[in-house]
Amino acid sequence: MNNLTLRFFLAGYAGLLLPRAIRRLIARTNMHRAWLSGDMGVYNEYHNDEKIFFGVCDREWFQYRKGPSRATAKFQKVVKVLLFPFHN
């Protein structure tokens, strides 16, 4: 995973909901797949040189797909999160 796809994954994992225009722009790309995997909480880990897949059913948390907590992020917020993923 390159740096840009990692940033999209982290944005999705943080719960950032991309605006529809951005999702249409990056549709069917690795960036969109990374964001969707992060949003759904899907990831891989390596333990003792063995790859372990954690999917949607393995997560211990639940995030509502609709409602006020899932408001679409503003374009400026998306750019800020992608440019500075580890900034407070």
PDB file of N, CA and C in Angstrom:
ATOM      1  N   MET A   1       0.860  -1.175   0.000  1.00  0.00           N
ATOM      2  CA  MET A   1       0.000   0.000   0.000  1.00  0.00           C
ATOM      3  C   MET A   1       0.904   1.235   0.000  1.00  0.00           C
ATOM      4  N   ASN A   2       0.702   2.096  -0.964  1.00  0.00           N
ATOM      5  CA  ASN A   2       1.542   3.285  -1.002  1.00  0.00           C
ATOM      6  C   ASN A   2       1.018   4.343  -0.028  1.00  0.00           C
ATOM      7  N   ASN A   3       1.711   5.425   0.062  1.00  0.00           N
ATOM      8  CA  ASN A   3       1.410   6.458   1.046  1.00  0.00           C
ATOM      9  C   ASN A   3       0.020   7.064   0.840  1.00  0.00           C
ATOM     10  N   LEU A   4      -0.378   7.312  -0.397  1.00  0.00           N
ATOM     11  CA  LEU A   4      -1.668   7.944  -0.655  1.00  0.00           C
ATOM     12  C   LEU A   4      -2.828   7.016  -0.290  1.00  0.00           C
ATOM     13  N   THR A   5      -2.715   5.741  -0.653  1.00  0.00           N
ATOM     14  CA  THR A   5      -3.790   4.815  -0.296  1.00  0.00           C
ATOM     15  C   THR A   5      -3.856   4.606   1.208  1.00  0.00           C
ATOM     16  N   LEU A   6      -2.708   4.643   1.886  1.00  0.00           N
ATOM     17  CA  LEU A   6      -2.710   4.547   3.344  1.00  0.00           C
ATOM     18  C   LEU A   6      -3.435   5.737   3.960  1.00  0.00           C
ATOM     19  N   ARG A   7      -3.236   6.916   3.405  1.00  0.00           N
ATOM     20  CA  ARG A   7      -3.929   8.110   3.913  1.00  0.00           C
ATOM     21  C   ARG A   7      -5.444   8.001   3.730  1.00  0.00           C
ATOM     22  N   PHE A   8      -5.877   7.466   2.580  1.00  0.00           N
ATOM     23  CA  PHE A   8      -7.316   7.261   2.370  1.00  0.00           C
ATOM     24  C   PHE A   8      -7.853   6.205   3.329  1.00  0.00           C
ATOM     25  N   PHE A   9      -7.083   5.148   3.586  1.00  0.00           N
ATOM     26  CA  PHE A   9      -7.507   4.131   4.540  1.00  0.00           C
ATOM     27  C   PHE A   9      -7.680   4.739   5.933  1.00  0.00           C
ATOM     28  N   LEU A  10      -6.706   5.529   6.367  1.00  0.00           N
ATOM     29  CA  LEU A  10      -6.780   6.155   7.688  1.00  0.00           C
ATOM     30  C   LEU A  10      -7.939   7.140   7.785  1.00  0.00           C
ATOM     31  N   ALA A  11      -8.220   7.845   6.703  1.00  0.00           N
ATOM     32  CA  ALA A  11      -9.364   8.763   6.697  1.00  0.00           C
ATOM     33  C   ALA A  11     -10.663   7.989   6.863  1.00  0.00           C
ATOM     34  N   GLY A  12     -10.788   6.872   6.168  1.00  0.00           N
ATOM     35  CA  GLY A  12     -11.980   6.036   6.304  1.00  0.00           C
ATOM     36  C   GLY A  12     -12.074   5.409   7.678  1.00  0.00           C
ATOM     37  N   TYR A  13     -10.943   4.964   8.217  1.00  0.00           N
ATOM     38  CA  TYR A  13     -10.931   4.334   9.538  1.00  0.00           C
ATOM     39  C   TYR A  13     -11.290   5.335  10.632  1.00  0.00           C
ATOM     40  N   ALA A  14     -10.949   6.610  10.398  1.00  0.00           N
ATOM     41  CA  ALA A  14     -11.290   7.660  11.359  1.00  0.00           C
ATOM     42  C   ALA A  14     -12.761   8.047  11.275  1.00  0.00           C
ATOM     43  N   GLY A  15     -13.480   7.521  10.290  1.00  0.00           N
ATOM     44  CA  GLY A  15     -14.905   7.804  10.173  1.00  0.00           C
ATOM     45  C   GLY A  15     -15.232   8.989   9.294  1.00  0.00           C
ATOM     46  N   LEU A  16     -14.271   9.448   8.512  1.00  0.00           N
ATOM     47  CA  LEU A  16     -14.493  10.581   7.625  1.00  0.00           C
ATOM     48  C   LEU A  16     -15.322  10.123   6.433  1.00  0.00           C
ATOM     49  N   LEU A  17     -16.479  10.693   6.270  1.00  0.00           N
ATOM     50  CA  LEU A  17     -17.369  10.345   5.165  1.00  0.00           C
ATOM     51  C   LEU A  17     -17.101  11.297   4.009  1.00  0.00           C
ATOM     52  N   LEU A  18     -16.577  10.763   2.912  1.00  0.00           N
ATOM     53  CA  LEU A  18     -16.232  11.589   1.764  1.00  0.00           C
ATOM     54  C   LEU A  18     -17.485  12.087   1.054  1.00  0.00           C
ATOM     55  N   PRO A  19     -17.453  13.309   0.546  1.00  0.00           N
ATOM     56  CA  PRO A  19     -18.586  13.815  -0.243  1.00  0.00           C
ATOM     57  C   PRO A  19     -18.772  12.973  -1.507  1.00  0.00           C
ATOM     58  N   ARG A  20     -19.988  12.949  -1.990  1.00  0.00           N
ATOM     59  CA  ARG A  20     -20.320  12.136  -3.162  1.00  0.00           C
ATOM     60  C   ARG A  20     -19.474  12.514  -4.377  1.00  0.00           C
ATOM     61  N   ALA A  21     -19.181  13.794  -4.559  1.00  0.00           N
ATOM     62  CA  ALA A  21     -18.387  14.223  -5.716  1.00  0.00           C
ATOM     63  C   ALA A  21     -16.983  13.618  -5.670  1.00  0.00           C
ATOM     64  N   ILE A  22     -16.380  13.575  -4.500  1.00  0.00           N
ATOM     65  CA  ILE A  22     -15.046  12.984  -4.374  1.00  0.00           C
ATOM     66  C   ILE A  22     -15.121  11.475  -4.566  1.00  0.00           C
ATOM     67  N   ARG A  23     -16.150  10.840  -4.035  1.00  0.00           N
ATOM     68  CA  ARG A  23     -16.286   9.394  -4.206  1.00  0.00           C
ATOM     69  C   ARG A  23     -16.482   9.035  -5.673  1.00  0.00           C
ATOM     70  N   ARG A  24     -17.229   9.839  -6.404  1.00  0.00           N
ATOM     71  CA  ARG A  24     -17.400   9.593  -7.841  1.00  0.00           C
ATOM     72  C   ARG A  24     -16.100   9.814  -8.592  1.00  0.00           C
ATOM     73  N   LEU A  25     -15.328  10.797  -8.160  1.00  0.00           N
ATOM     74  CA  LEU A  25     -14.064  11.105  -8.816  1.00  0.00           C
ATOM     75  C   LEU A  25     -13.057   9.964  -8.648  1.00  0.00           C
ATOM     76  N   ILE A  26     -13.023   9.342  -7.478  1.00  0.00           N
ATOM     77  CA  ILE A  26     -12.045   8.282  -7.213  1.00  0.00           C
ATOM     78  C   ILE A  26     -12.638   6.880  -7.332  1.00  0.00           C
ATOM     79  N   ALA A  27     -13.847   6.768  -7.858  1.00  0.00           N
ATOM     80  CA  ALA A  27     -14.516   5.463  -7.967  1.00  0.00           C
ATOM     81  C   ALA A  27     -13.666   4.471  -8.756  1.00  0.00           C
ATOM     82  N   ARG A  28     -13.684   3.221  -8.304  1.00  0.00           N
ATOM     83  CA  ARG A  28     -12.977   2.098  -8.939  1.00  0.00           C
ATOM     84  C   ARG A  28     -11.470   2.255  -8.935  1.00  0.00           C
ATOM     85  N   THR A  29     -10.928   3.022  -7.993  1.00  0.00           N
ATOM     86  CA  THR A  29      -9.480   3.154  -7.866  1.00  0.00           C
ATOM     87  C   THR A  29      -9.049   2.530  -6.545  1.00  0.00           C
ATOM     88  N   ASN A  30      -7.742   2.368  -6.398  1.00  0.00           N
ATOM     89  CA  ASN A  30      -7.219   1.839  -5.138  1.00  0.00           C
ATOM     90  C   ASN A  30      -7.472   2.789  -3.979  1.00  0.00           C
ATOM     91  N   MET A  31      -7.529   4.089  -4.265  1.00  0.00           N
ATOM     92  CA  MET A  31      -7.813   5.054  -3.203  1.00  0.00           C
ATOM     93  C   MET A  31      -9.216   4.843  -2.648  1.00  0.00           C
ATOM     94  N   HIS A  32     -10.193   4.607  -3.532  1.00  0.00           N
ATOM     95  CA  HIS A  32     -11.560   4.386  -3.077  1.00  0.00           C
ATOM     96  C   HIS A  32     -11.669   3.066  -2.316  1.00  0.00           C
ATOM     97  N   ARG A  33     -10.997   2.034  -2.813  1.00  0.00           N
ATOM     98  CA  ARG A  33     -11.017   0.748  -2.115  1.00  0.00           C
ATOM     99  C   ARG A  33     -10.385   0.860  -0.731  1.00  0.00           C
ATOM    100  N   ALA A  34      -9.308   1.639  -0.632  1.00  0.00           N
ATOM    101  CA  ALA A  34      -8.654   1.834   0.663  1.00  0.00           C
ATOM    102  C   ALA A  34      -9.571   2.597   1.620  1.00  0.00           C
ATOM    103  N   TRP A  35     -10.216   3.656   1.131  1.00  0.00           N
ATOM    104  CA  TRP A  35     -11.130   4.419   1.991  1.00  0.00           C
ATOM    105  C   TRP A  35     -12.284   3.540   2.466  1.00  0.00           C
ATOM    106  N   LEU A  36     -12.861   2.751   1.560  1.00  0.00           N
ATOM    107  CA  LEU A  36     -13.985   1.885   1.909  1.00  0.00           C
ATOM    108  C   LEU A  36     -13.564   0.807   2.904  1.00  0.00           C
ATOM    109  N   SER A  37     -12.375   0.242   2.725  1.00  0.00           N
ATOM    110  CA  SER A  37     -11.876  -0.749   3.682  1.00  0.00           C
ATOM    111  C   SER A  37     -11.694  -0.126   5.059  1.00  0.00           C
ATOM    112  N   GLY A  38     -11.166   1.082   5.096  1.00  0.00           N
ATOM    113  CA  GLY A  38     -11.007   1.771   6.374  1.00  0.00           C
ATOM    114  C   GLY A  38     -12.343   2.112   6.999  1.00  0.00           C
ATOM    115  N   ASP A  39     -13.289   2.547   6.188  1.00  0.00           N
ATOM    116  CA  ASP A  39     -14.611   2.900   6.688  1.00  0.00           C
ATOM    117  C   ASP A  39     -15.334   1.685   7.256  1.00  0.00           C
ATOM    118  N   MET A  40     -15.129   0.530   6.638  1.00  0.00           N
ATOM    119  CA  MET A  40     -15.782  -0.687   7.104  1.00  0.00           C
ATOM    120  C   MET A  40     -14.982  -1.406   8.192  1.00  0.00           C
ATOM    121  N   GLY A  41     -13.754  -0.981   8.441  1.00  0.00           N
ATOM    122  CA  GLY A  41     -12.936  -1.605   9.476  1.00  0.00           C
ATOM    123  C   GLY A  41     -12.298  -2.902   9.036  1.00  0.00           C
ATOM    124  N   VAL A  42     -11.994  -3.035   7.755  1.00  0.00           N
ATOM    125  CA  VAL A  42     -11.374  -4.245   7.221  1.00  0.00           C
ATOM    126  C   VAL A  42      -9.869  -4.006   7.112  1.00  0.00           C
ATOM    127  N   TYR A  43      -9.064  -4.913   7.670  1.00  0.00           N
ATOM    128  CA  TYR A  43      -7.618  -4.765   7.584  1.00  0.00           C
ATOM    129  C   TYR A  43      -6.944  -6.121   7.759  1.00  0.00           C
ATOM    130  N   ASN A  44      -5.634  -6.170   7.467  1.00  0.00           N
ATOM    131  CA  ASN A  44      -4.822  -7.374   7.616  1.00  0.00           C
ATOM    132  C   ASN A  44      -3.743  -7.114   8.650  1.00  0.00           C
ATOM    133  N   GLU A  45      -3.379  -8.138   9.391  1.00  0.00           N
ATOM    134  CA  GLU A  45      -2.269  -8.069  10.321  1.00  0.00           C
ATOM    135  C   GLU A  45      -1.379  -9.278  10.099  1.00  0.00           C
ATOM    136  N   TYR A  46      -0.140  -9.137  10.466  1.00  0.00           N
ATOM    137  CA  TYR A  46       0.807 -10.244  10.378  1.00  0.00           C
ATOM    138  C   TYR A  46       1.223 -10.656  11.782  1.00  0.00           C
ATOM    139  N   HIS A  47       1.020 -11.922  12.117  1.00  0.00           N
ATOM    140  CA  HIS A  47       1.430 -12.492  13.396  1.00  0.00           C
ATOM    141  C   HIS A  47       2.241 -13.739  13.109  1.00  0.00           C
ATOM    142  N   ASN A  48       3.494 -13.763  13.573  1.00  0.00           N
ATOM    143  CA  ASN A  48       4.384 -14.918  13.370  1.00  0.00           C
ATOM    144  C   ASN A  48       4.467 -15.297  11.892  1.00  0.00           C
ATOM    145  N   ASP A  49       4.684 -14.286  11.052  1.00  0.00           N
ATOM    146  CA  ASP A  49       4.795 -14.465   9.596  1.00  0.00           C
ATOM    147  C   ASP A  49       3.554 -15.085   8.972  1.00  0.00           C
ATOM    148  N   GLU A  50       2.428 -14.924   9.604  1.00  0.00           N
ATOM    149  CA  GLU A  50       1.164 -15.430   9.076  1.00  0.00           C
ATOM    150  C   GLU A  50       0.209 -14.256   8.918  1.00  0.00           C
ATOM    151  N   LYS A  51      -0.399 -14.138   7.744  1.00  0.00           N
ATOM    152  CA  LYS A  51      -1.316 -13.044   7.457  1.00  0.00           C
ATOM    153  C   LYS A  51      -2.703 -13.380   7.992  1.00  0.00           C
ATOM    154  N   ILE A  52      -3.251 -12.510   8.832  1.00  0.00           N
ATOM    155  CA  ILE A  52      -4.572 -12.710   9.419  1.00  0.00           C
ATOM    156  C   ILE A  52      -5.489 -11.596   8.924  1.00  0.00           C
ATOM    157  N   PHE A  53      -6.628 -11.972   8.380  1.00  0.00           N
ATOM    158  CA  PHE A  53      -7.599 -11.027   7.833  1.00  0.00           C
ATOM    159  C   PHE A  53      -8.655 -10.721   8.882  1.00  0.00           C
ATOM    160  N   PHE A  54      -8.924  -9.443   9.099  1.00  0.00           N
ATOM    161  CA  PHE A  54      -9.989  -9.009   9.984  1.00  0.00           C
ATOM    162  C   PHE A  54     -11.046  -8.323   9.135  1.00  0.00           C
ATOM    163  N   GLY A  55     -12.234  -8.879   9.111  1.00  0.00           N
ATOM    164  CA  GLY A  55     -13.300  -8.353   8.275  1.00  0.00           C
ATOM    165  C   GLY A  55     -14.361  -7.634   9.076  1.00  0.00           C
ATOM    166  N   VAL A  56     -15.455  -7.356   8.424  1.00  0.00           N
ATOM    167  CA  VAL A  56     -16.557  -6.616   9.022  1.00  0.00           C
ATOM    168  C   VAL A  56     -17.130  -7.356  10.224  1.00  0.00           C
ATOM    169  N   CYS A  57     -17.217  -8.660  10.148  1.00  0.00           N
ATOM    170  CA  CYS A  57     -17.814  -9.438  11.240  1.00  0.00           C
ATOM    171  C   CYS A  57     -16.869  -9.612  12.426  1.00  0.00           C
ATOM    172  N   ASP A  58     -15.582  -9.297  12.253  1.00  0.00           N
ATOM    173  CA  ASP A  58     -14.606  -9.479  13.326  1.00  0.00           C
ATOM    174  C   ASP A  58     -14.448  -8.261  14.226  1.00  0.00           C
ATOM    175  N   ARG A  59     -14.964  -7.132  13.808  1.00  0.00           N
ATOM    176  CA  ARG A  59     -14.745  -5.916  14.600  1.00  0.00           C
ATOM    177  C   ARG A  59     -15.597  -5.925  15.866  1.00  0.00           C
ATOM    178  N   GLU A  60     -15.106  -5.223  16.880  1.00  0.00           N
ATOM    179  CA  GLU A  60     -15.783  -5.180  18.170  1.00  0.00           C
ATOM    180  C   GLU A  60     -16.568  -3.889  18.366  1.00  0.00           C
ATOM    181  N   TRP A  61     -16.612  -3.029  17.389  1.00  0.00           N
ATOM    182  CA  TRP A  61     -17.316  -1.758  17.499  1.00  0.00           C
ATOM    183  C   TRP A  61     -18.363  -1.681  16.397  1.00  0.00           C
ATOM    184  N   PHE A  62     -19.275  -0.783  16.573  1.00  0.00           N
ATOM    185  CA  PHE A  62     -20.352  -0.595  15.592  1.00  0.00           C
ATOM    186  C   PHE A  62     -20.480   0.884  15.299  1.00  0.00           C
ATOM    187  N   GLN A  63     -20.625   1.220  14.033  1.00  0.00           N
ATOM    188  CA  GLN A  63     -20.794   2.608  13.635  1.00  0.00           C
ATOM    189  C   GLN A  63     -22.032   2.701  12.760  1.00  0.00           C
ATOM    190  N   TYR A  64     -22.947   3.584  13.117  1.00  0.00           N
ATOM    191  CA  TYR A  64     -24.176   3.740  12.351  1.00  0.00           C
ATOM    192  C   TYR A  64     -23.860   4.266  10.962  1.00  0.00           C
ATOM    193  N   ARG A  65     -24.512   3.737   9.956  1.00  0.00           N
ATOM    194  CA  ARG A  65     -24.284   4.127   8.579  1.00  0.00           C
ATOM    195  C   ARG A  65     -25.062   5.381   8.212  1.00  0.00           C
ATOM    196  N   LYS A  66     -26.065   5.760   8.984  1.00  0.00           N
ATOM    197  CA  LYS A  66     -26.858   6.947   8.703  1.00  0.00           C
ATOM    198  C   LYS A  66     -27.044   7.733   9.991  1.00  0.00           C
ATOM    199  N   GLY A  67     -27.458   8.972   9.859  1.00  0.00           N
ATOM    200  CA  GLY A  67     -27.734   9.792  11.026  1.00  0.00           C
ATOM    201  C   GLY A  67     -26.771  10.949  11.155  1.00  0.00           C
ATOM    202  N   PRO A  68     -26.921  11.739  12.200  1.00  0.00           N
ATOM    203  CA  PRO A  68     -26.105  12.944  12.349  1.00  0.00           C
ATOM    204  C   PRO A  68     -24.628  12.653  12.587  1.00  0.00           C
ATOM    205  N   SER A  69     -24.306  11.486  13.140  1.00  0.00           N
ATOM    206  CA  SER A  69     -22.895  11.173  13.375  1.00  0.00           C
ATOM    207  C   SER A  69     -22.177  10.838  12.073  1.00  0.00           C
ATOM    208  N   ARG A  70     -22.903  10.590  10.999  1.00  0.00           N
ATOM    209  CA  ARG A  70     -22.310  10.250   9.704  1.00  0.00           C
ATOM    210  C   ARG A  70     -22.518  11.378   8.696  1.00  0.00           C
ATOM    211  N   ALA A  71     -22.380  12.605   9.131  1.00  0.00           N
ATOM    212  CA  ALA A  71     -22.534  13.744   8.228  1.00  0.00           C
ATOM    213  C   ALA A  71     -21.353  13.796   7.264  1.00  0.00           C
ATOM    214  N   THR A  72     -21.610  14.174   6.037  1.00  0.00           N
ATOM    215  CA  THR A  72     -20.569  14.269   5.021  1.00  0.00           C
ATOM    216  C   THR A  72     -19.586  15.366   5.399  1.00  0.00           C
ATOM    217  N   ALA A  73     -18.309  15.061   5.261  1.00  0.00           N
ATOM    218  CA  ALA A  73     -17.266  16.022   5.610  1.00  0.00           C
ATOM    219  C   ALA A  73     -17.166  17.115   4.548  1.00  0.00           C
ATOM    220  N   LYS A  74     -16.781  18.281   4.970  1.00  0.00           N
ATOM    221  CA  LYS A  74     -16.545  19.392   4.042  1.00  0.00           C
ATOM    222  C   LYS A  74     -15.271  19.116   3.246  1.00  0.00           C
ATOM    223  N   PHE A  75     -15.176  19.712   2.056  1.00  0.00           N
ATOM    224  CA  PHE A  75     -14.031  19.496   1.189  1.00  0.00           C
ATOM    225  C   PHE A  75     -12.725  19.910   1.870  1.00  0.00           C
ATOM    226  N   GLN A  76     -12.750  21.017   2.616  1.00  0.00           N
ATOM    227  CA  GLN A  76     -11.551  21.493   3.303  1.00  0.00           C
ATOM    228  C   GLN A  76     -11.084  20.488   4.359  1.00  0.00           C
ATOM    229  N   LYS A  77     -12.028  19.851   5.051  1.00  0.00           N
ATOM    230  CA  LYS A  77     -11.688  18.846   6.063  1.00  0.00           C
ATOM    231  C   LYS A  77     -11.050  17.622   5.409  1.00  0.00           C
ATOM    232  N   VAL A  78     -11.577  17.206   4.260  1.00  0.00           N
ATOM    233  CA  VAL A  78     -11.018  16.054   3.546  1.00  0.00           C
ATOM    234  C   VAL A  78      -9.579  16.339   3.129  1.00  0.00           C
ATOM    235  N   VAL A  79      -9.342  17.510   2.559  1.00  0.00           N
ATOM    236  CA  VAL A  79      -7.995  17.888   2.127  1.00  0.00           C
ATOM    237  C   VAL A  79      -7.051  17.939   3.318  1.00  0.00           C
ATOM    238  N   LYS A  80      -7.493  18.502   4.429  1.00  0.00           N
ATOM    239  CA  LYS A  80      -6.654  18.607   5.621  1.00  0.00           C
ATOM    240  C   LYS A  80      -6.289  17.221   6.153  1.00  0.00           C
ATOM    241  N   VAL A  81      -7.253  16.309   6.190  1.00  0.00           N
ATOM    242  CA  VAL A  81      -6.985  14.962   6.702  1.00  0.00           C
ATOM    243  C   VAL A  81      -6.048  14.199   5.773  1.00  0.00           C
ATOM    244  N   LEU A  82      -6.202  14.373   4.463  1.00  0.00           N
ATOM    245  CA  LEU A  82      -5.331  13.673   3.520  1.00  0.00           C
ATOM    246  C   LEU A  82      -3.918  14.233   3.498  1.00  0.00           C
ATOM    247  N   LEU A  83      -3.770  15.548   3.673  1.00  0.00           N
ATOM    248  CA  LEU A  83      -2.440  16.142   3.667  1.00  0.00           C
ATOM    249  C   LEU A  83      -1.695  15.943   4.981  1.00  0.00           C
ATOM    250  N   PHE A  84      -2.434  15.979   6.081  1.00  0.00           N
ATOM    251  CA  PHE A  84      -1.828  15.849   7.415  1.00  0.00           C
ATOM    252  C   PHE A  84      -2.553  14.761   8.200  1.00  0.00           C
ATOM    253  N   PRO A  85      -2.320  13.474   7.890  1.00  0.00           N
ATOM    254  CA  PRO A  85      -3.119  12.403   8.512  1.00  0.00           C
ATOM    255  C   PRO A  85      -2.871  12.226  10.005  1.00  0.00           C
ATOM    256  N   PHE A  86      -1.708  12.605  10.507  1.00  0.00           N
ATOM    257  CA  PHE A  86      -1.404  12.384  11.920  1.00  0.00           C
ATOM    258  C   PHE A  86      -1.451  13.661  12.745  1.00  0.00           C
ATOM    259  N   HIS A  87      -2.024  14.711  12.185  1.00  0.00           N
ATOM    260  CA  HIS A  87      -2.123  16.002  12.878  1.00  0.00           C
ATOM    261  C   HIS A  87      -3.376  15.998  13.751  1.00  0.00           C
ATOM    262  N   ASN A  88      -3.306  16.639  14.902  1.00  0.00           N
ATOM    263  CA  ASN A  88      -4.473  16.702  15.815  1.00  0.00           C
ATOM    264  C   ASN A  88      -5.524  17.550  15.237  1.00  0.00           C
TER     265      ASN A  88
END
